[in-house]
Amino acid sequence: MSRVLDITPEHLVEVQRLLRARAPRPATVWAFGSRVLGTATAYSDLDLAIDAGRRLSWAEQADLQEAFEEGALPFRVDIVDWATVSQAFRDRVASQRIPLMILPAIDPQAPATTRAGP
């Protein structure tokens, strides 16, 4: 079954902008929960799982959460660190998740204006 993320194209652009600007790299970001399962209401949160291949630091989590709280989205975004959740939770999320973004490592030689990606 194909799943679709239940947010507007404008909100998706904002989510991706915030992830490019503030998420750790490299990382894979998945959406899951009610906005993927088709059970969301207008004010349902957006659940995101971030797999950076390691545990996120407290500062990285706080920075990303702050970005979403200060962003222009009309709904809350909950961040889950893939490295810290149980296997049972991973299994549940894996059965419903959809890929949202793959954030490559930042090239330290790249000019600052291109580091965040397209």
PDB file of N, CA and C in Angstrom:
ATOM      1  N   MET A   1       0.837  -1.182   0.000  1.00  0.00           N
ATOM      2  CA  MET A   1       0.000   0.000   0.000  1.00  0.00           C
ATOM      3  C   MET A   1       0.883   1.247   0.000  1.00  0.00           C
ATOM      4  N   SER A   2       0.567   2.171  -0.882  1.00  0.00           N
ATOM      5  CA  SER A   2       1.295   3.428  -0.968  1.00  0.00           C
ATOM      6  C   SER A   2       0.734   4.405   0.061  1.00  0.00           C
ATOM      7  N   ARG A   3       1.620   5.064   0.774  1.00  0.00           N
ATOM      8  CA  ARG A   3       1.195   6.032   1.787  1.00  0.00           C
ATOM      9  C   ARG A   3       1.548   7.442   1.323  1.00  0.00           C
ATOM     10  N   VAL A   4       0.771   8.399   1.781  1.00  0.00           N
ATOM     11  CA  VAL A   4       0.967   9.799   1.419  1.00  0.00           C
ATOM     12  C   VAL A   4       1.030  10.613   2.700  1.00  0.00           C
ATOM     13  N   LEU A   5       1.911  11.595   2.743  1.00  0.00           N
ATOM     14  CA  LEU A   5       2.033  12.467   3.898  1.00  0.00           C
ATOM     15  C   LEU A   5       0.930  13.519   3.855  1.00  0.00           C
ATOM     16  N   ASP A   6       0.131  13.580   4.909  1.00  0.00           N
ATOM     17  CA  ASP A   6      -1.031  14.458   4.975  1.00  0.00           C
ATOM     18  C   ASP A   6      -0.651  15.839   5.512  1.00  0.00           C
ATOM     19  N   ILE A   7       0.090  16.604   4.698  1.00  0.00           N
ATOM     20  CA  ILE A   7       0.351  18.019   4.963  1.00  0.00           C
ATOM     21  C   ILE A   7       0.333  18.732   3.609  1.00  0.00           C
ATOM     22  N   THR A   8       0.138  20.030   3.646  1.00  0.00           N
ATOM     23  CA  THR A   8       0.085  20.784   2.393  1.00  0.00           C
ATOM     24  C   THR A   8       1.478  20.862   1.766  1.00  0.00           C
ATOM     25  N   PRO A   9       1.551  21.101   0.467  1.00  0.00           N
ATOM     26  CA  PRO A   9       2.860  21.276  -0.173  1.00  0.00           C
ATOM     27  C   PRO A   9       3.672  22.410   0.467  1.00  0.00           C
ATOM     28  N   GLU A  10       3.000  23.476   0.868  1.00  0.00           N
ATOM     29  CA  GLU A  10       3.691  24.596   1.515  1.00  0.00           C
ATOM     30  C   GLU A  10       4.284  24.176   2.854  1.00  0.00           C
ATOM     31  N   HIS A  11       3.541  23.383   3.614  1.00  0.00           N
ATOM     32  CA  HIS A  11       4.052  22.917   4.901  1.00  0.00           C
ATOM     33  C   HIS A  11       5.201  21.936   4.709  1.00  0.00           C
ATOM     34  N   LEU A  12       5.128  21.115   3.671  1.00  0.00           N
ATOM     35  CA  LEU A  12       6.227  20.193   3.372  1.00  0.00           C
ATOM     36  C   LEU A  12       7.501  20.971   3.050  1.00  0.00           C
ATOM     37  N   VAL A  13       7.383  22.029   2.277  1.00  0.00           N
ATOM     38  CA  VAL A  13       8.542  22.868   1.956  1.00  0.00           C
ATOM     39  C   VAL A  13       9.145  23.438   3.239  1.00  0.00           C
ATOM     40  N   GLU A  14       8.309  23.895   4.158  1.00  0.00           N
ATOM     41  CA  GLU A  14       8.796  24.457   5.424  1.00  0.00           C
ATOM     42  C   GLU A  14       9.474  23.380   6.272  1.00  0.00           C
ATOM     43  N   VAL A  15       8.895  22.200   6.360  1.00  0.00           N
ATOM     44  CA  VAL A  15       9.512  21.099   7.110  1.00  0.00           C
ATOM     45  C   VAL A  15      10.883  20.783   6.521  1.00  0.00           C
ATOM     46  N   GLN A  16      10.960  20.668   5.216  1.00  0.00           N
ATOM     47  CA  GLN A  16      12.229  20.349   4.567  1.00  0.00           C
ATOM     48  C   GLN A  16      13.251  21.469   4.746  1.00  0.00           C
ATOM     49  N   ARG A  17      12.800  22.706   4.711  1.00  0.00           N
ATOM     50  CA  ARG A  17      13.705  23.842   4.926  1.00  0.00           C
ATOM     51  C   ARG A  17      14.315  23.782   6.321  1.00  0.00           C
ATOM     52  N   LEU A  18      13.478  23.530   7.314  1.00  0.00           N
ATOM     53  CA  LEU A  18      13.967  23.461   8.690  1.00  0.00           C
ATOM     54  C   LEU A  18      14.907  22.277   8.889  1.00  0.00           C
ATOM     55  N   LEU A  19      14.591  21.156   8.282  1.00  0.00           N
ATOM     56  CA  LEU A  19      15.478  19.996   8.388  1.00  0.00           C
ATOM     57  C   LEU A  19      16.830  20.283   7.735  1.00  0.00           C
ATOM     58  N   ARG A  20      16.820  20.886   6.556  1.00  0.00           N
ATOM     59  CA  ARG A  20      18.088  21.208   5.887  1.00  0.00           C
ATOM     60  C   ARG A  20      18.940  22.145   6.740  1.00  0.00           C
ATOM     61  N   ALA A  21      18.276  23.091   7.388  1.00  0.00           N
ATOM     62  CA  ALA A  21      18.993  24.098   8.161  1.00  0.00           C
ATOM     63  C   ALA A  21      19.482  23.584   9.507  1.00  0.00           C
ATOM     64  N   ARG A  22      18.730  22.675  10.147  1.00  0.00           N
ATOM     65  CA  ARG A  22      19.034  22.366  11.541  1.00  0.00           C
ATOM     66  C   ARG A  22      19.246  20.898  11.886  1.00  0.00           C
ATOM     67  N   ALA A  23      18.902  19.979  11.009  1.00  0.00           N
ATOM     68  CA  ALA A  23      19.061  18.555  11.347  1.00  0.00           C
ATOM     69  C   ALA A  23      20.528  18.150  11.260  1.00  0.00           C
ATOM     70  N   PRO A  24      20.922  17.179  12.092  1.00  0.00           N
ATOM     71  CA  PRO A  24      22.295  16.675  12.003  1.00  0.00           C
ATOM     72  C   PRO A  24      22.509  15.984  10.665  1.00  0.00           C
ATOM     73  N   ARG A  25      23.751  15.911  10.239  1.00  0.00           N
ATOM     74  CA  ARG A  25      24.087  15.273   8.961  1.00  0.00           C
ATOM     75  C   ARG A  25      25.245  14.334   9.156  1.00  0.00           C
ATOM     76  N   PRO A  26      25.287  13.254   8.410  1.00  0.00           N
ATOM     77  CA  PRO A  26      24.247  12.743   7.525  1.00  0.00           C
ATOM     78  C   PRO A  26      23.099  12.167   8.338  1.00  0.00           C
ATOM     79  N   ALA A  27      21.933  12.126   7.736  1.00  0.00           N
ATOM     80  CA  ALA A  27      20.761  11.571   8.416  1.00  0.00           C
ATOM     81  C   ALA A  27      19.678  11.226   7.409  1.00  0.00           C
ATOM     82  N   THR A  28      18.858  10.274   7.804  1.00  0.00           N
ATOM     83  CA  THR A  28      17.647   9.940   7.065  1.00  0.00           C
ATOM     84  C   THR A  28      16.475  10.324   7.949  1.00  0.00           C
ATOM     85  N   VAL A  29      15.472  10.948   7.359  1.00  0.00           N
ATOM     86  CA  VAL A  29      14.296  11.386   8.113  1.00  0.00           C
ATOM     87  C   VAL A  29      13.061  10.716   7.522  1.00  0.00           C
ATOM     88  N   TRP A  30      12.283  10.090   8.401  1.00  0.00           N
ATOM     89  CA  TRP A  30      11.025   9.464   8.000  1.00  0.00           C
ATOM     90  C   TRP A  30       9.869  10.151   8.712  1.00  0.00           C
ATOM     91  N   ALA A  31       8.732  10.189   8.061  1.00  0.00           N
ATOM     92  CA  ALA A  31       7.479  10.603   8.698  1.00  0.00           C
ATOM     93  C   ALA A  31       6.707   9.340   9.039  1.00  0.00           C
ATOM     94  N   PHE A  32       5.965   9.390  10.145  1.00  0.00           N
ATOM     95  CA  PHE A  32       5.137   8.262  10.553  1.00  0.00           C
ATOM     96  C   PHE A  32       3.978   8.798  11.382  1.00  0.00           C
ATOM     97  N   GLY A  33       3.115   7.930  11.808  1.00  0.00           N
ATOM     98  CA  GLY A  33       2.005   8.340  12.665  1.00  0.00           C
ATOM     99  C   GLY A  33       0.770   8.732  11.879  1.00  0.00           C
ATOM    100  N   SER A  34      -0.088   9.511  12.517  1.00  0.00           N
ATOM    101  CA  SER A  34      -1.410   9.798  11.954  1.00  0.00           C
ATOM    102  C   SER A  34      -1.348  10.519  10.611  1.00  0.00           C
ATOM    103  N   ARG A  35      -0.329  11.337  10.387  1.00  0.00           N
ATOM    104  CA  ARG A  35      -0.239  12.060   9.108  1.00  0.00           C
ATOM    105  C   ARG A  35       0.230  11.166   7.969  1.00  0.00           C
ATOM    106  N   VAL A  36       0.661   9.971   8.284  1.00  0.00           N
ATOM    107  CA  VAL A  36       1.003   8.972   7.268  1.00  0.00           C
ATOM    108  C   VAL A  36      -0.117   7.940   7.147  1.00  0.00           C
ATOM    109  N   LEU A  37      -0.755   7.651   8.262  1.00  0.00           N
ATOM    110  CA  LEU A  37      -1.796   6.616   8.285  1.00  0.00           C
ATOM    111  C   LEU A  37      -3.153   7.096   7.787  1.00  0.00           C
ATOM    112  N   GLY A  38      -3.291   8.409   7.575  1.00  0.00           N
ATOM    113  CA  GLY A  38      -4.560   8.939   7.085  1.00  0.00           C
ATOM    114  C   GLY A  38      -5.587   9.177   8.170  1.00  0.00           C
ATOM    115  N   THR A  39      -5.135   9.259   9.417  1.00  0.00           N
ATOM    116  CA  THR A  39      -6.056   9.469  10.537  1.00  0.00           C
ATOM    117  C   THR A  39      -5.869  10.835  11.196  1.00  0.00           C
ATOM    118  N   ALA A  40      -5.117  11.721  10.559  1.00  0.00           N
ATOM    119  CA  ALA A  40      -4.815  13.027  11.146  1.00  0.00           C
ATOM    120  C   ALA A  40      -6.011  13.964  11.083  1.00  0.00           C
ATOM    121  N   THR A  41      -6.067  14.848  12.056  1.00  0.00           N
ATOM    122  CA  THR A  41      -6.990  15.978  12.015  1.00  0.00           C
ATOM    123  C   THR A  41      -6.167  17.205  11.628  1.00  0.00           C
ATOM    124  N   ALA A  42      -6.801  18.341  11.489  1.00  0.00           N
ATOM    125  CA  ALA A  42      -6.092  19.558  11.069  1.00  0.00           C
ATOM    126  C   ALA A  42      -4.942  19.912  12.012  1.00  0.00           C
ATOM    127  N   TYR A  43      -5.090  19.592  13.297  1.00  0.00           N
ATOM    128  CA  TYR A  43      -4.082  19.988  14.278  1.00  0.00           C
ATOM    129  C   TYR A  43      -3.267  18.815  14.815  1.00  0.00           C
ATOM    130  N   SER A  44      -3.336  17.687  14.156  1.00  0.00           N
ATOM    131  CA  SER A  44      -2.505  16.548  14.566  1.00  0.00           C
ATOM    132  C   SER A  44      -1.038  16.906  14.398  1.00  0.00           C
ATOM    133  N   ASP A  45      -0.214  16.343  15.273  1.00  0.00           N
ATOM    134  CA  ASP A  45       1.218  16.590  15.146  1.00  0.00           C
ATOM    135  C   ASP A  45       1.795  15.818  13.965  1.00  0.00           C
ATOM    136  N   LEU A  46       2.999  16.192  13.583  1.00  0.00           N
ATOM    137  CA  LEU A  46       3.754  15.477  12.561  1.00  0.00           C
ATOM    138  C   LEU A  46       4.871  14.749  13.280  1.00  0.00           C
ATOM    139  N   ASP A  47       4.897  13.436  13.170  1.00  0.00           N
ATOM    140  CA  ASP A  47       5.923  12.625  13.815  1.00  0.00           C
ATOM    141  C   ASP A  47       7.049  12.363  12.833  1.00  0.00           C
ATOM    142  N   LEU A  48       8.279  12.699  13.244  1.00  0.00           N
ATOM    143  CA  LEU A  48       9.454  12.473  12.415  1.00  0.00           C
ATOM    144  C   LEU A  48      10.461  11.624  13.176  1.00  0.00           C
ATOM    145  N   ALA A  49      11.002  10.623  12.516  1.00  0.00           N
ATOM    146  CA  ALA A  49      12.087   9.814  13.072  1.00  0.00           C
ATOM    147  C   ALA A  49      13.360  10.186  12.331  1.00  0.00           C
ATOM    148  N   ILE A  50      14.415  10.457  13.091  1.00  0.00           N
ATOM    149  CA  ILE A  50      15.693  10.839  12.494  1.00  0.00           C
ATOM    150  C   ILE A  50      16.728   9.772  12.812  1.00  0.00           C
ATOM    151  N   ASP A  51      17.318   9.224  11.750  1.00  0.00           N
ATOM    152  CA  ASP A  51      18.384   8.231  11.891  1.00  0.00           C
ATOM    153  C   ASP A  51      19.677   8.856  11.391  1.00  0.00           C
ATOM    154  N   ALA A  52      20.523   9.252  12.340  1.00  0.00           N
ATOM    155  CA  ALA A  52      21.819   9.843  12.008  1.00  0.00           C
ATOM    156  C   ALA A  52      22.938   8.809  12.123  1.00  0.00           C
ATOM    157  N   GLY A  53      22.562   7.554  12.349  1.00  0.00           N
ATOM    158  CA  GLY A  53      23.568   6.514  12.499  1.00  0.00           C
ATOM    159  C   GLY A  53      24.252   6.543  13.850  1.00  0.00           C
ATOM    160  N   ARG A  54      23.746   7.369  14.724  1.00  0.00           N
ATOM    161  CA  ARG A  54      24.281   7.529  16.079  1.00  0.00           C
ATOM    162  C   ARG A  54      23.218   8.216  16.921  1.00  0.00           C
ATOM    163  N   ARG A  55      23.453   8.245  18.200  1.00  0.00           N
ATOM    164  CA  ARG A  55      22.541   8.949  19.102  1.00  0.00           C
ATOM    165  C   ARG A  55      22.716  10.462  18.914  1.00  0.00           C
ATOM    166  N   LEU A  56      21.607  11.175  18.814  1.00  0.00           N
ATOM    167  CA  LEU A  56      21.672  12.635  18.711  1.00  0.00           C
ATOM    168  C   LEU A  56      22.029  13.223  20.070  1.00  0.00           C
ATOM    169  N   SER A  57      22.817  14.268  20.054  1.00  0.00           N
ATOM    170  CA  SER A  57      23.141  14.943  21.310  1.00  0.00           C
ATOM    171  C   SER A  57      21.910  15.709  21.803  1.00  0.00           C
ATOM    172  N   TRP A  58      21.925  16.036  23.074  1.00  0.00           N
ATOM    173  CA  TRP A  58      20.835  16.821  23.634  1.00  0.00           C
ATOM    174  C   TRP A  58      20.738  18.157  22.896  1.00  0.00           C
ATOM    175  N   ALA A  59      21.888  18.764  22.603  1.00  0.00           N
ATOM    176  CA  ALA A  59      21.904  20.065  21.918  1.00  0.00           C
ATOM    177  C   ALA A  59      21.309  19.958  20.514  1.00  0.00           C
ATOM    178  N   GLU A  60      21.617  18.883  19.788  1.00  0.00           N
ATOM    179  CA  GLU A  60      21.055  18.699  18.446  1.00  0.00           C
ATOM    180  C   GLU A  60      19.541  18.546  18.504  1.00  0.00           C
ATOM    181  N   GLN A  61      19.067  17.760  19.460  1.00  0.00           N
ATOM    182  CA  GLN A  61      17.619  17.565  19.598  1.00  0.00           C
ATOM    183  C   GLN A  61      16.929  18.873  19.965  1.00  0.00           C
ATOM    184  N   ALA A  62      17.511  19.591  20.924  1.00  0.00           N
ATOM    185  CA  ALA A  62      16.913  20.854  21.372  1.00  0.00           C
ATOM    186  C   ALA A  62      16.906  21.888  20.248  1.00  0.00           C
ATOM    187  N   ASP A  63      17.985  21.961  19.494  1.00  0.00           N
ATOM    188  CA  ASP A  63      18.083  22.916  18.389  1.00  0.00           C
ATOM    189  C   ASP A  63      17.019  22.637  17.331  1.00  0.00           C
ATOM    190  N   LEU A  64      16.857  21.378  16.994  1.00  0.00           N
ATOM    191  CA  LEU A  64      15.876  21.007  15.980  1.00  0.00           C
ATOM    192  C   LEU A  64      14.447  21.242  16.478  1.00  0.00           C
ATOM    193  N   GLN A  65      14.181  20.865  17.728  1.00  0.00           N
ATOM    194  CA  GLN A  65      12.847  21.077  18.278  1.00  0.00           C
ATOM    195  C   GLN A  65      12.519  22.567  18.341  1.00  0.00           C
ATOM    196  N   GLU A  66      13.504  23.364  18.739  1.00  0.00           N
ATOM    197  CA  GLU A  66      13.303  24.814  18.788  1.00  0.00           C
ATOM    198  C   GLU A  66      12.998  25.378  17.396  1.00  0.00           C
ATOM    199  N   ALA A  67      13.695  24.887  16.388  1.00  0.00           N
ATOM    200  CA  ALA A  67      13.451  25.354  15.017  1.00  0.00           C
ATOM    201  C   ALA A  67      12.006  25.098  14.614  1.00  0.00           C
ATOM    202  N   PHE A  68      11.496  23.921  14.933  1.00  0.00           N
ATOM    203  CA  PHE A  68      10.112  23.613  14.570  1.00  0.00           C
ATOM    204  C   PHE A  68       9.118  24.419  15.404  1.00  0.00           C
ATOM    205  N   GLU A  69       9.427  24.657  16.663  1.00  0.00           N
ATOM    206  CA  GLU A  69       8.520  25.446  17.503  1.00  0.00           C
ATOM    207  C   GLU A  69       8.446  26.893  17.031  1.00  0.00           C
ATOM    208  N   GLU A  70       9.559  27.408  16.509  1.00  0.00           N
ATOM    209  CA  GLU A  70       9.600  28.795  16.046  1.00  0.00           C
ATOM    210  C   GLU A  70       9.230  28.931  14.570  1.00  0.00           C
ATOM    211  N   GLY A  71       9.076  27.823  13.876  1.00  0.00           N
ATOM    212  CA  GLY A  71       8.763  27.838  12.449  1.00  0.00           C
ATOM    213  C   GLY A  71       7.335  28.268  12.175  1.00  0.00           C
ATOM    214  N   ALA A  72       6.981  28.254  10.910  1.00  0.00           N
ATOM    215  CA  ALA A  72       5.683  28.757  10.458  1.00  0.00           C
ATOM    216  C   ALA A  72       4.654  27.651  10.257  1.00  0.00           C
ATOM    217  N   LEU A  73       4.777  26.567  11.004  1.00  0.00           N
ATOM    218  CA  LEU A  73       3.836  25.452  10.844  1.00  0.00           C
ATOM    219  C   LEU A  73       2.682  25.572  11.836  1.00  0.00           C
ATOM    220  N   PRO A  74       1.466  25.255  11.415  1.00  0.00           N
ATOM    221  CA  PRO A  74       0.312  25.362  12.311  1.00  0.00           C
ATOM    222  C   PRO A  74       0.104  24.120  13.176  1.00  0.00           C
ATOM    223  N   PHE A  75       1.058  23.215  13.165  1.00  0.00           N
ATOM    224  CA  PHE A  75       0.962  21.988  13.955  1.00  0.00           C
ATOM    225  C   PHE A  75       2.310  21.705  14.605  1.00  0.00           C
ATOM    226  N   ARG A  76       2.266  20.922  15.649  1.00  0.00           N
ATOM    227  CA  ARG A  76       3.466  20.527  16.377  1.00  0.00           C
ATOM    228  C   ARG A  76       4.219  19.457  15.587  1.00  0.00           C
ATOM    229  N   VAL A  77       5.543  19.472  15.704  1.00  0.00           N
ATOM    230  CA  VAL A  77       6.384  18.434  15.111  1.00  0.00           C
ATOM    231  C   VAL A  77       7.102  17.726  16.250  1.00  0.00           C
ATOM    232  N   ASP A  78       6.908  16.415  16.339  1.00  0.00           N
ATOM    233  CA  ASP A  78       7.586  15.605  17.348  1.00  0.00           C
ATOM    234  C   ASP A  78       8.743  14.870  16.694  1.00  0.00           C
ATOM    235  N   ILE A  79       9.908  14.963  17.324  1.00  0.00           N
ATOM    236  CA  ILE A  79      11.129  14.357  16.805  1.00  0.00           C
ATOM    237  C   ILE A  79      11.457  13.114  17.624  1.00  0.00           C
ATOM    238  N   VAL A  80      11.731  12.016  16.924  1.00  0.00           N
ATOM    239  CA  VAL A  80      12.153  10.776  17.568  1.00  0.00           C
ATOM    240  C   VAL A  80      13.562  10.455  17.083  1.00  0.00           C
ATOM    241  N   ASP A  81      14.465  10.208  18.027  1.00  0.00           N
ATOM    242  CA  ASP A  81      15.831   9.807  17.698  1.00  0.00           C
ATOM    243  C   ASP A  81      15.850   8.294  17.505  1.00  0.00           C
ATOM    244  N   TRP A  82      16.045   7.858  16.274  1.00  0.00           N
ATOM    245  CA  TRP A  82      15.986   6.436  15.916  1.00  0.00           C
ATOM    246  C   TRP A  82      16.945   5.602  16.760  1.00  0.00           C
ATOM    247  N   ALA A  83      18.078   6.172  17.154  1.00  0.00           N
ATOM    248  CA  ALA A  83      19.091   5.427  17.906  1.00  0.00           C
ATOM    249  C   ALA A  83      18.674   5.154  19.346  1.00  0.00           C
ATOM    250  N   THR A  84      17.639   5.812  19.821  1.00  0.00           N
ATOM    251  CA  THR A  84      17.283   5.669  21.236  1.00  0.00           C
ATOM    252  C   THR A  84      15.974   4.928  21.481  1.00  0.00           C
ATOM    253  N   VAL A  85      15.297   4.518  20.427  1.00  0.00           N
ATOM    254  CA  VAL A  85      13.997   3.867  20.618  1.00  0.00           C
ATOM    255  C   VAL A  85      14.146   2.347  20.629  1.00  0.00           C
ATOM    256  N   SER A  86      13.188   1.693  21.230  1.00  0.00           N
ATOM    257  CA  SER A  86      13.213   0.231  21.346  1.00  0.00           C
ATOM    258  C   SER A  86      13.002  -0.444  19.995  1.00  0.00           C
ATOM    259  N   GLN A  87      13.372  -1.709  19.923  1.00  0.00           N
ATOM    260  CA  GLN A  87      13.163  -2.473  18.696  1.00  0.00           C
ATOM    261  C   GLN A  87      11.674  -2.599  18.391  1.00  0.00           C
ATOM    262  N   ALA A  88      10.851  -2.744  19.416  1.00  0.00           N
ATOM    263  CA  ALA A  88       9.403  -2.845  19.200  1.00  0.00           C
ATOM    264  C   ALA A  88       8.871  -1.560  18.561  1.00  0.00           C
ATOM    265  N   PHE A  89       9.356  -0.410  19.027  1.00  0.00           N
ATOM    266  CA  PHE A  89       8.931   0.865  18.448  1.00  0.00           C
ATOM    267  C   PHE A  89       9.429   0.984  17.008  1.00  0.00           C
ATOM    268  N   ARG A  90      10.674   0.596  16.769  1.00  0.00           N
ATOM    269  CA  ARG A  90      11.223   0.625  15.406  1.00  0.00           C
ATOM    270  C   ARG A  90      10.385  -0.231  14.461  1.00  0.00           C
ATOM    271  N   ASP A  91      10.005  -1.412  14.928  1.00  0.00           N
ATOM    272  CA  ASP A  91       9.204  -2.309  14.092  1.00  0.00           C
ATOM    273  C   ASP A  91       7.860  -1.680  13.749  1.00  0.00           C
ATOM    274  N   ARG A  92       7.235  -1.052  14.748  1.00  0.00           N
ATOM    275  CA  ARG A  92       5.938  -0.414  14.518  1.00  0.00           C
ATOM    276  C   ARG A  92       6.065   0.737  13.515  1.00  0.00           C
ATOM    277  N   VAL A  93       7.088   1.564  13.703  1.00  0.00           N
ATOM    278  CA  VAL A  93       7.301   2.695  12.796  1.00  0.00           C
ATOM    279  C   VAL A  93       7.685   2.207  11.402  1.00  0.00           C
ATOM    280  N   ALA A  94       8.533   1.190  11.326  1.00  0.00           N
ATOM    281  CA  ALA A  94       8.997   0.684  10.026  1.00  0.00           C
ATOM    282  C   ALA A  94       7.844   0.193   9.164  1.00  0.00           C
ATOM    283  N   SER A  95       6.782  -0.261   9.799  1.00  0.00           N
ATOM    284  CA  SER A  95       5.643  -0.777   9.035  1.00  0.00           C
ATOM    285  C   SER A  95       4.782   0.329   8.428  1.00  0.00           C
ATOM    286  N   GLN A  96       5.009   1.571   8.844  1.00  0.00           N
ATOM    287  CA  GLN A  96       4.156   2.663   8.357  1.00  0.00           C
ATOM    288  C   GLN A  96       4.925   3.864   7.820  1.00  0.00           C
ATOM    289  N   ARG A  97       6.195   3.940   8.066  1.00  0.00           N
ATOM    290  CA  ARG A  97       6.960   5.151   7.741  1.00  0.00           C
ATOM    291  C   ARG A  97       7.066   5.396   6.235  1.00  0.00           C
ATOM    292  N   ILE A  98       7.250   6.674   5.914  1.00  0.00           N
ATOM    293  CA  ILE A  98       7.569   7.044   4.537  1.00  0.00           C
ATOM    294  C   ILE A  98       8.810   7.940   4.587  1.00  0.00           C
ATOM    295  N   PRO A  99       9.708   7.794   3.626  1.00  0.00           N
ATOM    296  CA  PRO A  99      10.913   8.625   3.637  1.00  0.00           C
ATOM    297  C   PRO A  99      10.558  10.081   3.357  1.00  0.00           C
ATOM    298  N   LEU A 100      11.147  10.961   4.136  1.00  0.00           N
ATOM    299  CA  LEU A 100      10.895  12.388   3.954  1.00  0.00           C
ATOM    300  C   LEU A 100      12.114  13.075   3.341  1.00  0.00           C
ATOM    301  N   MET A 101      13.293  12.763   3.889  1.00  0.00           N
ATOM    302  CA  MET A 101      14.524  13.378   3.375  1.00  0.00           C
ATOM    303  C   MET A 101      15.718  12.499   3.684  1.00  0.00           C
ATOM    304  N   ILE A 102      16.707  12.583   2.814  1.00  0.00           N
ATOM    305  CA  ILE A 102      18.030  12.044   3.106  1.00  0.00           C
ATOM    306  C   ILE A 102      18.965  13.236   3.077  1.00  0.00           C
ATOM    307  N   LEU A 103      19.599  13.493   4.212  1.00  0.00           N
ATOM    308  CA  LEU A 103      20.489  14.641   4.329  1.00  0.00           C
ATOM    309  C   LEU A 103      21.928  14.147   4.246  1.00  0.00           C
ATOM    310  N   PRO A 104      22.648  14.480   3.176  1.00  0.00           N
ATOM    311  CA  PRO A 104      24.027  14.025   3.047  1.00  0.00           C
ATOM    312  C   PRO A 104      24.939  14.755   4.027  1.00  0.00           C
ATOM    313  N   ALA A 105      26.103  14.193   4.218  1.00  0.00           N
ATOM    314  CA  ALA A 105      27.099  14.863   5.050  1.00  0.00           C
ATOM    315  C   ALA A 105      27.447  16.203   4.418  1.00  0.00           C
ATOM    316  N   ILE A 106      27.810  17.140   5.243  1.00  0.00           N
ATOM    317  CA  ILE A 106      28.201  18.460   4.748  1.00  0.00           C
ATOM    318  C   ILE A 106      29.662  18.403   4.338  1.00  0.00           C
ATOM    319  N   ASP A 107      29.950  18.877   3.151  1.00  0.00           N
ATOM    320  CA  ASP A 107      31.324  18.947   2.664  1.00  0.00           C
ATOM    321  C   ASP A 107      31.973  20.173   3.294  1.00  0.00           C
ATOM    322  N   PRO A 108      32.987  19.976   4.155  1.00  0.00           N
ATOM    323  CA  PRO A 108      33.595  21.133   4.818  1.00  0.00           C
ATOM    324  C   PRO A 108      34.295  22.078   3.845  1.00  0.00           C
ATOM    325  N   GLN A 109      34.568  21.620   2.628  1.00  0.00           N
ATOM    326  CA  GLN A 109      35.217  22.463   1.626  1.00  0.00           C
ATOM    327  C   GLN A 109      34.215  23.280   0.808  1.00  0.00           C
ATOM    328  N   ALA A 110      32.930  22.951   0.926  1.00  0.00           N
ATOM    329  CA  ALA A 110      31.912  23.652   0.140  1.00  0.00           C
ATOM    330  C   ALA A 110      31.709  25.065   0.678  1.00  0.00           C
ATOM    331  N   PRO A 111      31.417  26.012  -0.211  1.00  0.00           N
ATOM    332  CA  PRO A 111      31.099  27.367   0.260  1.00  0.00           C
ATOM    333  C   PRO A 111      29.898  27.332   1.200  1.00  0.00           C
ATOM    334  N   ALA A 112      29.886  28.202   2.167  1.00  0.00           N
ATOM    335  CA  ALA A 112      28.825  28.215   3.182  1.00  0.00           C
ATOM    336  C   ALA A 112      27.442  28.336   2.568  1.00  0.00           C
ATOM    337  N   THR A 113      27.301  29.002   1.452  1.00  0.00           N
ATOM    338  CA  THR A 113      25.978  29.196   0.853  1.00  0.00           C
ATOM    339  C   THR A 113      25.415  27.925   0.243  1.00  0.00           C
ATOM    340  N   THR A 114      26.240  26.916   0.000  1.00  0.00           N
ATOM    341  CA  THR A 114      25.739  25.685  -0.618  1.00  0.00           C
ATOM    342  C   THR A 114      25.680  24.521   0.349  1.00  0.00           C
ATOM    343  N   ARG A 115      26.099  24.705   1.562  1.00  0.00           N
ATOM    344  CA  ARG A 115      26.145  23.596   2.510  1.00  0.00           C
ATOM    345  C   ARG A 115      24.786  23.041   2.868  1.00  0.00           C
ATOM    346  N   ALA A 116      23.776  23.862   2.897  1.00  0.00           N
ATOM    347  CA  ALA A 116      22.447  23.395   3.310  1.00  0.00           C
ATOM    348  C   ALA A 116      21.764  22.593   2.226  1.00  0.00           C
ATOM    349  N   GLY A 117      22.280  22.580   1.037  1.00  0.00           N
ATOM    350  CA  GLY A 117      21.668  21.803  -0.039  1.00  0.00           C
ATOM    351  C   GLY A 117      20.612  22.602  -0.769  1.00  0.00           C
ATOM    352  N   PRO A 118      20.004  21.976  -1.774  1.00  0.00           N
ATOM    353  CA  PRO A 118      19.005  22.697  -2.575  1.00  0.00           C
ATOM    354  C   PRO A 118      17.752  22.998  -1.806  1.00  0.00           C
TER     355      PRO A 118
END
